[in-house]
């Protein structure tokens, strides 16, 4: 179920990255972001129900629910960013926006890579921790891109563009929060590893 959820996260991240190509791509990719988030919610509900019905779980029930919650937060944040882009009617994105999209997509791919390893926590602990560390590194790089991007937005903004600056800044912040949610998921995974190794 984690692997299925991670597939939904990757789909959402891929479609968000498509939105950041701008122009007609915004409207073309937006419905697919919503669909990926809906599918992820369905898997989340399935996990919660399975935990309630299962007597013996692979690891602690609280950890199972916390991790699926953290994973779901990632795709929820992807949806928030995409929705803000559509609501603010943004259709042009410079390289810094696209680099944030790339960071989100890299984190999603790393998450998808790490979750199947949880079925063998003890044997795969070093590999799991290495992948979580990669997510953390991407998050640090994305912070730098965010700061540079907001600074560049401010430098280019003219007084008559104040509303556009505010909208673009909000989207930048939402993209940065999306990467933060992946870092939260990685942290939860690391906590599970520590408890079970």
Protein backbone atom coordinates (compact mmCIF):
# COMPACT_ATOMS: atom_id res chain seq x y z
CA UNK A 1 0.00 0.00 0.00
CA UNK A 2 2.88 2.37 0.72
CA UNK A 3 4.28 1.61 -2.74
CA UNK A 4 0.91 2.35 -4.36
CA UNK A 5 0.67 5.60 -2.43
CA UNK A 6 4.23 6.54 -3.43
CA UNK A 7 3.24 5.95 -7.08
CA UNK A 8 0.42 8.48 -6.61
CA UNK A 9 2.90 10.94 -5.09
CA UNK A 10 5.23 10.56 -8.07
CA UNK A 11 2.31 11.06 -10.47
CA UNK A 12 1.28 14.24 -8.67
CA UNK A 13 4.86 15.54 -8.62
CA UNK A 14 5.29 14.74 -12.32
CA UNK A 15 2.11 16.62 -13.22
CA UNK A 16 3.10 19.59 -11.03
CA UNK A 17 6.43 19.72 -12.84
CA UNK A 18 4.46 19.71 -16.10
CA UNK A 19 2.41 22.68 -14.88
CA UNK A 20 5.64 24.60 -14.29
CA UNK A 21 6.38 24.46 -18.02
CA UNK A 22 3.73 27.19 -18.20
CA UNK A 23 1.34 28.25 -20.92
CA UNK A 24 -1.26 25.69 -21.93
CA UNK A 25 0.52 23.05 -19.82
CA UNK A 26 -1.04 24.55 -16.67
CA UNK A 27 -4.59 23.60 -17.60
CA UNK A 28 -3.46 20.36 -19.25
CA UNK A 29 -1.69 19.00 -16.16
CA UNK A 30 -3.85 20.42 -13.36
CA UNK A 31 -6.65 17.80 -13.51
CA UNK A 32 -4.05 15.02 -13.29
CA UNK A 33 -2.64 16.55 -10.08
CA UNK A 34 -6.13 16.46 -8.56
CA UNK A 35 -6.61 12.85 -9.69
CA UNK A 36 -3.28 11.77 -8.18
CA UNK A 37 -4.18 13.39 -4.86
CA UNK A 38 -7.62 11.69 -4.87
CA UNK A 39 -5.99 8.32 -5.54
CA UNK A 40 -3.49 8.91 -2.73
CA UNK A 41 -6.34 9.75 -0.34
CA UNK A 42 -8.03 6.47 -1.25
CA UNK A 43 -4.87 4.51 -0.44
CA UNK A 44 -4.50 6.41 2.84
CA UNK A 45 -8.03 5.41 3.85
CA UNK A 46 -7.25 1.83 2.87
CA UNK A 47 -4.14 1.80 5.10
CA UNK A 48 -6.05 3.21 8.09
CA UNK A 49 -8.79 0.60 7.66
CA UNK A 50 -6.26 -2.21 7.26
CA UNK A 51 -4.51 -1.18 10.49
CA UNK A 52 -7.85 -1.35 12.33
CA UNK A 53 -8.66 -4.80 10.93
CA UNK A 54 -5.22 -6.39 11.27
CA UNK A 55 -4.24 -8.10 14.53
CA UNK A 56 -0.51 -8.40 13.75
CA UNK A 57 1.07 -5.52 11.84
CA UNK A 58 4.53 -5.41 10.22
CA UNK A 59 5.54 -2.65 12.63
CA UNK A 60 3.90 -0.43 15.23
CA UNK A 61 0.36 0.70 14.34
CA UNK A 62 1.13 4.29 15.29
CA UNK A 63 4.18 4.30 13.03
CA UNK A 64 2.15 2.88 10.14
CA UNK A 65 -0.46 5.60 10.47
CA UNK A 66 2.10 8.36 11.04
CA UNK A 67 4.03 7.40 7.92
CA UNK A 68 1.02 7.20 5.62
CA UNK A 69 -0.05 10.57 7.06
CA UNK A 70 3.34 12.11 6.29
CA UNK A 71 3.31 10.62 2.81
CA UNK A 72 -0.19 11.97 2.22
CA UNK A 73 0.95 15.42 3.35
CA UNK A 74 3.39 15.47 0.42
CA UNK A 75 0.74 14.98 -2.24
CA UNK A 76 -1.69 17.30 -0.43
CA UNK A 77 0.97 20.02 -0.62
CA UNK A 78 1.53 19.28 -4.33
CA UNK A 79 -2.19 19.87 -4.83
CA UNK A 80 -2.08 23.14 -2.85
CA UNK A 81 0.76 24.46 -5.00
CA UNK A 82 -0.98 23.47 -8.24
CA UNK A 83 -4.25 24.96 -7.05
CA UNK A 84 -2.59 28.27 -6.17
CA UNK A 85 -1.05 28.44 -9.64
CA UNK A 86 -4.48 27.99 -11.22
CA UNK A 87 -6.27 30.36 -8.81
CA UNK A 88 -3.70 33.11 -9.36
CA UNK A 89 -3.82 32.44 -13.13
CA UNK A 90 -0.04 32.14 -13.37
CA UNK A 91 1.18 30.78 -16.69
CA UNK A 92 4.82 31.91 -16.85
CA UNK A 93 7.51 30.34 -14.69
CA UNK A 94 11.19 31.06 -14.74
CA UNK A 95 13.97 28.57 -14.16
CA UNK A 96 13.84 28.82 -10.36
CA UNK A 97 10.21 27.64 -10.32
CA UNK A 98 11.17 24.74 -12.56
CA UNK A 99 14.13 23.88 -10.34
CA UNK A 100 11.74 23.71 -7.38
CA UNK A 101 9.56 21.37 -9.44
CA UNK A 102 12.61 19.25 -10.21
CA UNK A 103 13.42 19.05 -6.48
CA UNK A 104 9.87 17.92 -5.69
CA UNK A 105 10.06 15.29 -8.42
CA UNK A 106 13.44 14.02 -7.13
CA UNK A 107 12.07 13.74 -3.60
CA UNK A 108 9.02 11.85 -4.86
CA UNK A 109 11.26 9.41 -6.73
CA UNK A 110 13.43 8.86 -3.65
CA UNK A 111 10.32 8.27 -1.51
CA UNK A 112 9.05 5.72 -4.01
CA UNK A 113 12.45 4.03 -3.90
CA UNK A 114 12.61 3.84 -0.11
CA UNK A 115 9.13 2.60 0.86
CA UNK A 116 9.43 -0.95 -0.55
CA UNK A 117 12.59 -1.39 1.56
CA UNK A 118 10.52 -1.06 4.75
CA UNK A 119 9.44 -4.68 4.38
CA UNK A 120 13.04 -5.60 5.33
CA UNK A 121 13.87 -2.83 7.77
CA UNK A 122 16.74 -4.56 9.56
CA UNK A 123 18.49 -5.78 6.44
CA UNK A 124 17.90 -2.60 4.44
CA UNK A 125 18.43 -0.01 7.20
CA UNK A 126 21.64 1.47 5.71
CA UNK A 127 20.02 1.80 2.28
CA UNK A 128 16.86 3.32 3.79
CA UNK A 129 18.87 5.87 5.77
CA UNK A 130 20.97 6.77 2.71
CA UNK A 131 17.84 7.48 0.66
CA UNK A 132 16.36 9.56 3.48
CA UNK A 133 19.60 11.53 3.65
CA UNK A 134 19.32 12.21 -0.10
CA UNK A 135 15.82 13.63 0.48
CA UNK A 136 17.27 15.84 3.21
CA UNK A 137 20.00 17.08 0.84
CA UNK A 138 17.45 17.90 -1.87
CA UNK A 139 15.43 19.80 0.73
CA UNK A 140 18.50 21.89 1.64
CA UNK A 141 19.19 22.65 -2.01
CA UNK A 142 15.54 23.60 -2.57
CA UNK A 143 15.74 26.08 0.33
CA UNK A 144 18.59 27.83 -1.49
CA UNK A 145 16.67 27.84 -4.79
CA UNK A 146 13.61 29.25 -3.01
CA UNK A 147 15.57 32.08 -1.41
CA UNK A 148 17.36 32.98 -4.65
CA UNK A 149 14.10 32.78 -6.59
CA UNK A 150 12.21 35.07 -4.24
CA UNK A 151 15.08 37.56 -4.29
CA UNK A 152 15.06 37.55 -8.10
CA UNK A 153 11.27 38.02 -8.16
CA UNK A 154 11.64 41.04 -5.90
CA UNK A 155 14.43 42.55 -8.02
CA UNK A 156 12.36 42.27 -11.19
CA UNK A 157 9.08 43.46 -9.66
CA UNK A 158 7.83 46.89 -10.62
CA UNK A 159 5.29 48.79 -8.49
CA UNK A 160 2.50 47.97 -10.93
CA UNK A 161 3.37 44.25 -10.62
CA UNK A 162 2.84 44.08 -6.85
CA UNK A 163 -0.06 41.63 -7.04
CA UNK A 164 1.80 39.38 -9.43
CA UNK A 165 4.82 39.42 -7.11
CA UNK A 166 2.64 38.44 -4.15
CA UNK A 167 1.04 35.59 -6.12
CA UNK A 168 4.36 34.29 -7.42
CA UNK A 169 5.91 34.53 -3.95
CA UNK A 170 3.00 32.51 -2.52
CA UNK A 171 3.53 29.79 -5.12
CA UNK A 172 7.27 29.74 -4.38
CA UNK A 173 6.49 29.30 -0.69
CA UNK A 174 4.06 26.46 -1.41
CA UNK A 175 6.63 24.69 -3.57
CA UNK A 176 9.20 25.04 -0.78
CA UNK A 177 6.69 23.65 1.74
CA UNK A 178 6.14 20.69 -0.56
CA UNK A 179 9.81 19.78 -0.35
CA UNK A 180 9.59 20.23 3.44
CA UNK A 181 6.78 17.66 3.56
CA UNK A 182 9.07 15.13 1.85
CA UNK A 183 11.69 15.86 4.50
CA UNK A 184 9.02 15.19 7.16
CA UNK A 185 8.24 11.83 5.54
CA UNK A 186 11.95 10.94 5.46
CA UNK A 187 12.26 11.86 9.13
CA UNK A 188 9.31 9.60 9.98
CA UNK A 189 10.93 6.74 8.06
CA UNK A 190 14.19 7.26 9.95
CA UNK A 191 12.29 7.16 13.24
CA UNK A 192 10.73 3.83 12.26
CA UNK A 193 14.16 2.45 11.33
CA UNK A 194 15.64 3.48 14.69
CA UNK A 195 12.77 1.81 16.56
CA UNK A 196 12.97 -1.44 14.61
CA UNK A 197 16.66 -2.12 14.06
